[in-house]
Amino acid sequence: MLHPITTNHYLVLSAAMLIIGTLGVLTRRNIVIVLMSIELILNAVNINLVTMSHHWQNLHGQVFAIFVITVAVAEAAIGLGILIALFRNKETVQADEIDLLKW
C-alpha cells in the first residue's frame, strides 16, 4: 500500500537540502561549488515556503518564493560574472587563492 506524501516529507527534504547546502558553503574552497551550495539553500527555502503555503491554504508563501527565485537568479548572474572576472585575473577559482582586496 502506498502512503501519500505529506507536509512532513517536504519539510524533511528541505532540511536535508539546507544541511547539504550549508556544509557545501562551509567546507568547499571552489567558488563554483560554493555558488551551487547557496542555490541549494535558496531552493530549500522555496520548498519550505511552498509547502507551508499549501498547508495553510494561502498564496503568501508561493508569492514570496517567486521573489526568492528572482533573487537567486540575480545572485547567480552576478556571482558568475564576478567569477569570470576573477578567473581572468588570477586564473583560479579557489577561494583561498583570491586576494584581490588585500593591500
N, C-alpha and C. Protein backbone atom coordinates (compact mmCIF):
# COMPACT_ATOMS: atom_id res chain seq x y z
N MET A 1 0.84 -1.18 0.00
CA MET A 1 0.00 0.00 0.00
C MET A 1 0.88 1.25 0.00
N LEU A 2 0.61 2.16 -0.90
CA LEU A 2 1.38 3.39 -0.99
C LEU A 2 0.87 4.42 0.00
N HIS A 3 1.82 5.10 0.62
CA HIS A 3 1.46 6.15 1.57
C HIS A 3 1.53 7.49 0.84
N PRO A 4 0.60 8.38 1.12
CA PRO A 4 0.64 9.69 0.46
C PRO A 4 1.80 10.53 0.98
N ILE A 5 2.27 11.40 0.14
CA ILE A 5 3.34 12.32 0.55
C ILE A 5 2.70 13.43 1.38
N THR A 6 3.21 13.63 2.57
CA THR A 6 2.64 14.62 3.48
C THR A 6 3.55 15.84 3.59
N THR A 7 3.12 16.79 4.38
CA THR A 7 3.90 18.00 4.62
C THR A 7 5.24 17.67 5.27
N ASN A 8 5.24 16.67 6.14
CA ASN A 8 6.49 16.30 6.82
C ASN A 8 7.55 15.82 5.85
N HIS A 9 7.15 15.13 4.79
CA HIS A 9 8.11 14.67 3.79
C HIS A 9 8.82 15.85 3.13
N TYR A 10 8.06 16.88 2.78
CA TYR A 10 8.65 18.06 2.16
C TYR A 10 9.55 18.81 3.14
N LEU A 11 9.16 18.85 4.40
CA LEU A 11 9.99 19.54 5.39
C LEU A 11 11.30 18.81 5.64
N VAL A 12 11.26 17.49 5.63
CA VAL A 12 12.50 16.70 5.79
C VAL A 12 13.40 16.89 4.57
N LEU A 13 12.81 16.90 3.37
CA LEU A 13 13.59 17.15 2.16
C LEU A 13 14.24 18.52 2.22
N SER A 14 13.48 19.51 2.63
CA SER A 14 14.00 20.87 2.72
C SER A 14 15.13 20.95 3.75
N ALA A 15 14.96 20.30 4.89
CA ALA A 15 16.02 20.31 5.91
C ALA A 15 17.28 19.63 5.40
N ALA A 16 17.12 18.52 4.68
CA ALA A 16 18.29 17.83 4.12
C ALA A 16 19.02 18.71 3.11
N MET A 17 18.25 19.39 2.26
CA MET A 17 18.87 20.28 1.27
C MET A 17 19.57 21.45 1.96
N LEU A 18 18.98 21.97 3.04
CA LEU A 18 19.60 23.06 3.77
C LEU A 18 20.91 22.62 4.41
N ILE A 19 20.93 21.44 4.99
CA ILE A 19 22.15 20.93 5.62
C ILE A 19 23.24 20.69 4.58
N ILE A 20 22.88 20.08 3.45
CA ILE A 20 23.86 19.82 2.40
C ILE A 20 24.42 21.13 1.85
N GLY A 21 23.54 22.11 1.62
CA GLY A 21 23.99 23.41 1.12
C GLY A 21 24.89 24.13 2.11
N THR A 22 24.54 24.09 3.37
CA THR A 22 25.36 24.74 4.39
C THR A 22 26.73 24.09 4.51
N LEU A 23 26.76 22.77 4.49
CA LEU A 23 28.05 22.08 4.51
C LEU A 23 28.88 22.41 3.28
N GLY A 24 28.23 22.53 2.14
CA GLY A 24 28.95 22.89 0.92
C GLY A 24 29.55 24.28 1.00
N VAL A 25 28.83 25.23 1.57
CA VAL A 25 29.36 26.59 1.70
C VAL A 25 30.51 26.62 2.70
N LEU A 26 30.38 25.89 3.78
CA LEU A 26 31.39 25.97 4.85
C LEU A 26 32.65 25.15 4.58
N THR A 27 32.56 24.09 3.79
CA THR A 27 33.71 23.20 3.64
C THR A 27 34.42 23.29 2.30
N ARG A 28 33.79 23.77 1.27
CA ARG A 28 34.41 23.77 -0.05
C ARG A 28 35.19 25.05 -0.31
N ARG A 29 36.22 24.94 -1.11
CA ARG A 29 37.05 26.09 -1.47
C ARG A 29 36.82 26.53 -2.92
N ASN A 30 36.18 25.70 -3.72
CA ASN A 30 35.90 26.04 -5.11
C ASN A 30 34.70 26.98 -5.14
N ILE A 31 34.86 28.14 -5.76
CA ILE A 31 33.80 29.15 -5.74
C ILE A 31 32.56 28.68 -6.49
N VAL A 32 32.72 27.89 -7.53
CA VAL A 32 31.57 27.37 -8.28
C VAL A 32 30.72 26.48 -7.37
N ILE A 33 31.36 25.63 -6.59
CA ILE A 33 30.62 24.75 -5.68
C ILE A 33 29.95 25.56 -4.57
N VAL A 34 30.61 26.61 -4.11
CA VAL A 34 30.01 27.48 -3.09
C VAL A 34 28.75 28.15 -3.65
N LEU A 35 28.81 28.64 -4.88
CA LEU A 35 27.63 29.25 -5.50
C LEU A 35 26.51 28.22 -5.68
N MET A 36 26.86 27.01 -6.07
CA MET A 36 25.83 25.97 -6.21
C MET A 36 25.23 25.62 -4.85
N SER A 37 26.03 25.65 -3.80
CA SER A 37 25.51 25.38 -2.46
C SER A 37 24.56 26.47 -1.99
N ILE A 38 24.86 27.71 -2.33
CA ILE A 38 23.95 28.81 -2.00
C ILE A 38 22.63 28.63 -2.72
N GLU A 39 22.68 28.23 -3.98
CA GLU A 39 21.44 27.96 -4.73
C GLU A 39 20.65 26.82 -4.08
N LEU A 40 21.35 25.82 -3.58
CA LEU A 40 20.68 24.71 -2.91
C LEU A 40 19.97 25.19 -1.64
N ILE A 41 20.61 26.08 -0.91
CA ILE A 41 19.98 26.64 0.29
C ILE A 41 18.73 27.43 -0.08
N LEU A 42 18.82 28.24 -1.13
CA LEU A 42 17.66 29.02 -1.55
C LEU A 42 16.52 28.12 -2.03
N ASN A 43 16.85 27.02 -2.69
CA ASN A 43 15.81 26.09 -3.11
C ASN A 43 15.17 25.38 -1.91
N ALA A 44 15.94 25.13 -0.87
CA ALA A 44 15.37 24.56 0.35
C ALA A 44 14.38 25.52 0.98
N VAL A 45 14.71 26.79 0.96
CA VAL A 45 13.79 27.81 1.48
C VAL A 45 12.51 27.83 0.64
N ASN A 46 12.66 27.73 -0.68
CA ASN A 46 11.49 27.75 -1.55
C ASN A 46 10.58 26.55 -1.29
N ILE A 47 11.16 25.39 -1.06
CA ILE A 47 10.34 24.21 -0.76
C ILE A 47 9.56 24.44 0.54
N ASN A 48 10.23 25.02 1.54
CA ASN A 48 9.53 25.34 2.79
C ASN A 48 8.40 26.32 2.56
N LEU A 49 8.66 27.37 1.81
CA LEU A 49 7.63 28.39 1.57
C LEU A 49 6.41 27.82 0.86
N VAL A 50 6.65 27.04 -0.19
CA VAL A 50 5.53 26.48 -0.95
C VAL A 50 4.79 25.43 -0.13
N THR A 51 5.51 24.64 0.64
CA THR A 51 4.87 23.62 1.47
C THR A 51 3.97 24.26 2.53
N MET A 52 4.49 25.26 3.21
CA MET A 52 3.67 25.91 4.24
C MET A 52 2.52 26.69 3.62
N SER A 53 2.74 27.24 2.45
CA SER A 53 1.65 27.93 1.75
C SER A 53 0.53 26.96 1.41
N HIS A 54 0.89 25.79 0.94
CA HIS A 54 -0.12 24.78 0.63
C HIS A 54 -0.79 24.25 1.91
N HIS A 55 0.00 24.08 2.95
CA HIS A 55 -0.54 23.57 4.22
C HIS A 55 -1.54 24.54 4.83
N TRP A 56 -1.25 25.85 4.78
CA TRP A 56 -2.13 26.85 5.37
C TRP A 56 -3.17 27.38 4.39
N GLN A 57 -3.16 26.89 3.16
CA GLN A 57 -4.15 27.26 2.14
C GLN A 57 -4.17 28.76 1.85
N ASN A 58 -2.98 29.35 1.70
CA ASN A 58 -2.91 30.73 1.23
C ASN A 58 -1.77 30.84 0.23
N LEU A 59 -1.69 31.94 -0.48
CA LEU A 59 -0.71 32.10 -1.54
C LEU A 59 0.50 32.93 -1.14
N HIS A 60 0.57 33.36 0.09
CA HIS A 60 1.65 34.25 0.52
C HIS A 60 3.02 33.59 0.35
N GLY A 61 3.15 32.35 0.74
CA GLY A 61 4.43 31.64 0.61
C GLY A 61 4.84 31.43 -0.83
N GLN A 62 3.87 31.17 -1.69
CA GLN A 62 4.19 30.96 -3.10
C GLN A 62 4.62 32.26 -3.77
N VAL A 63 3.99 33.35 -3.41
CA VAL A 63 4.39 34.65 -3.95
C VAL A 63 5.79 35.01 -3.46
N PHE A 64 6.05 34.77 -2.19
CA PHE A 64 7.37 35.06 -1.65
C PHE A 64 8.43 34.17 -2.28
N ALA A 65 8.07 32.93 -2.61
CA ALA A 65 9.02 32.02 -3.28
C ALA A 65 9.41 32.56 -4.65
N ILE A 66 8.48 33.22 -5.33
CA ILE A 66 8.81 33.82 -6.64
C ILE A 66 9.86 34.91 -6.45
N PHE A 67 9.73 35.69 -5.38
CA PHE A 67 10.73 36.72 -5.10
C PHE A 67 12.09 36.09 -4.77
N VAL A 68 12.08 34.99 -4.04
CA VAL A 68 13.34 34.30 -3.71
C VAL A 68 13.99 33.76 -4.98
N ILE A 69 13.18 33.24 -5.89
CA ILE A 69 13.72 32.75 -7.17
C ILE A 69 14.35 33.90 -7.94
N THR A 70 13.71 35.06 -7.93
CA THR A 70 14.26 36.23 -8.61
C THR A 70 15.60 36.64 -8.02
N VAL A 71 15.69 36.64 -6.71
CA VAL A 71 16.96 36.97 -6.04
C VAL A 71 18.02 35.92 -6.38
N ALA A 72 17.62 34.65 -6.44
CA ALA A 72 18.57 33.58 -6.77
C ALA A 72 19.13 33.74 -8.18
N VAL A 73 18.27 34.13 -9.11
CA VAL A 73 18.73 34.34 -10.49
C VAL A 73 19.71 35.50 -10.54
N ALA A 74 19.38 36.58 -9.85
CA ALA A 74 20.30 37.73 -9.83
C ALA A 74 21.62 37.37 -9.17
N GLU A 75 21.54 36.60 -8.08
CA GLU A 75 22.77 36.18 -7.40
C GLU A 75 23.63 35.31 -8.29
N ALA A 76 23.01 34.43 -9.04
CA ALA A 76 23.77 33.55 -9.93
C ALA A 76 24.42 34.35 -11.05
N ALA A 77 23.68 35.28 -11.63
CA ALA A 77 24.24 36.08 -12.73
C ALA A 77 25.40 36.95 -12.25
N ILE A 78 25.22 37.63 -11.14
CA ILE A 78 26.29 38.49 -10.63
C ILE A 78 27.47 37.66 -10.13
N GLY A 79 27.17 36.55 -9.45
CA GLY A 79 28.24 35.69 -8.96
C GLY A 79 29.08 35.10 -10.08
N LEU A 80 28.43 34.65 -11.14
CA LEU A 80 29.19 34.09 -12.26
C LEU A 80 29.98 35.17 -12.99
N GLY A 81 29.42 36.37 -13.07
CA GLY A 81 30.17 37.48 -13.67
C GLY A 81 31.42 37.81 -12.89
N ILE A 82 31.29 37.87 -11.58
CA ILE A 82 32.46 38.12 -10.72
C ILE A 82 33.45 36.97 -10.83
N LEU A 83 32.94 35.75 -10.89
CA LEU A 83 33.82 34.59 -11.01
C LEU A 83 34.61 34.61 -12.31
N ILE A 84 33.98 34.98 -13.40
CA ILE A 84 34.70 35.07 -14.69
C ILE A 84 35.77 36.15 -14.63
N ALA A 85 35.45 37.29 -14.03
CA ALA A 85 36.44 38.36 -13.88
C ALA A 85 37.61 37.91 -13.02
N LEU A 86 37.33 37.23 -11.93
CA LEU A 86 38.41 36.73 -11.07
C LEU A 86 39.26 35.69 -11.79
N PHE A 87 38.62 34.83 -12.56
CA PHE A 87 39.38 33.80 -13.27
C PHE A 87 40.28 34.43 -14.33
N ARG A 88 39.82 35.49 -14.96
CA ARG A 88 40.68 36.16 -15.95
C ARG A 88 41.89 36.79 -15.31
N ASN A 89 41.73 37.33 -14.10
CA ASN A 89 42.84 37.99 -13.43
C ASN A 89 43.77 37.02 -12.71
N LYS A 90 43.23 36.04 -12.03
CA LYS A 90 44.04 35.16 -11.18
C LYS A 90 44.22 33.76 -11.75
N GLU A 91 43.42 33.38 -12.74
CA GLU A 91 43.45 32.06 -13.36
C GLU A 91 43.22 30.94 -12.36
N THR A 92 42.32 31.18 -11.41
CA THR A 92 41.94 30.16 -10.44
C THR A 92 40.52 30.42 -9.97
N VAL A 93 39.86 29.36 -9.51
CA VAL A 93 38.53 29.50 -8.92
C VAL A 93 38.53 29.02 -7.47
N GLN A 94 39.71 28.92 -6.87
CA GLN A 94 39.84 28.52 -5.48
C GLN A 94 39.72 29.75 -4.59
N ALA A 95 38.85 29.68 -3.58
CA ALA A 95 38.59 30.84 -2.72
C ALA A 95 39.83 31.22 -1.90
N ASP A 96 40.67 30.27 -1.56
CA ASP A 96 41.85 30.56 -0.75
C ASP A 96 42.90 31.37 -1.51
N GLU A 97 42.93 31.25 -2.82
CA GLU A 97 43.98 31.88 -3.61
C GLU A 97 43.60 33.26 -4.14
N ILE A 98 42.41 33.71 -3.84
CA ILE A 98 41.96 35.01 -4.34
C ILE A 98 42.16 36.04 -3.24
N ASP A 99 43.05 36.99 -3.50
CA ASP A 99 43.37 38.01 -2.51
C ASP A 99 43.40 39.40 -3.15
N LEU A 100 42.49 39.66 -4.06
CA LEU A 100 42.49 40.95 -4.77
C LEU A 100 42.16 42.12 -3.86
N LEU A 101 41.47 41.91 -2.76
CA LEU A 101 41.08 43.01 -1.89
C LEU A 101 42.10 43.28 -0.79
N LYS A 102 43.17 42.49 -0.74
CA LYS A 102 44.21 42.73 0.25
C LYS A 102 45.09 43.88 -0.20
N TRP A 103 45.69 44.60 0.75
CA TRP A 103 46.56 45.72 0.42
C TRP A 103 47.84 45.23 -0.11
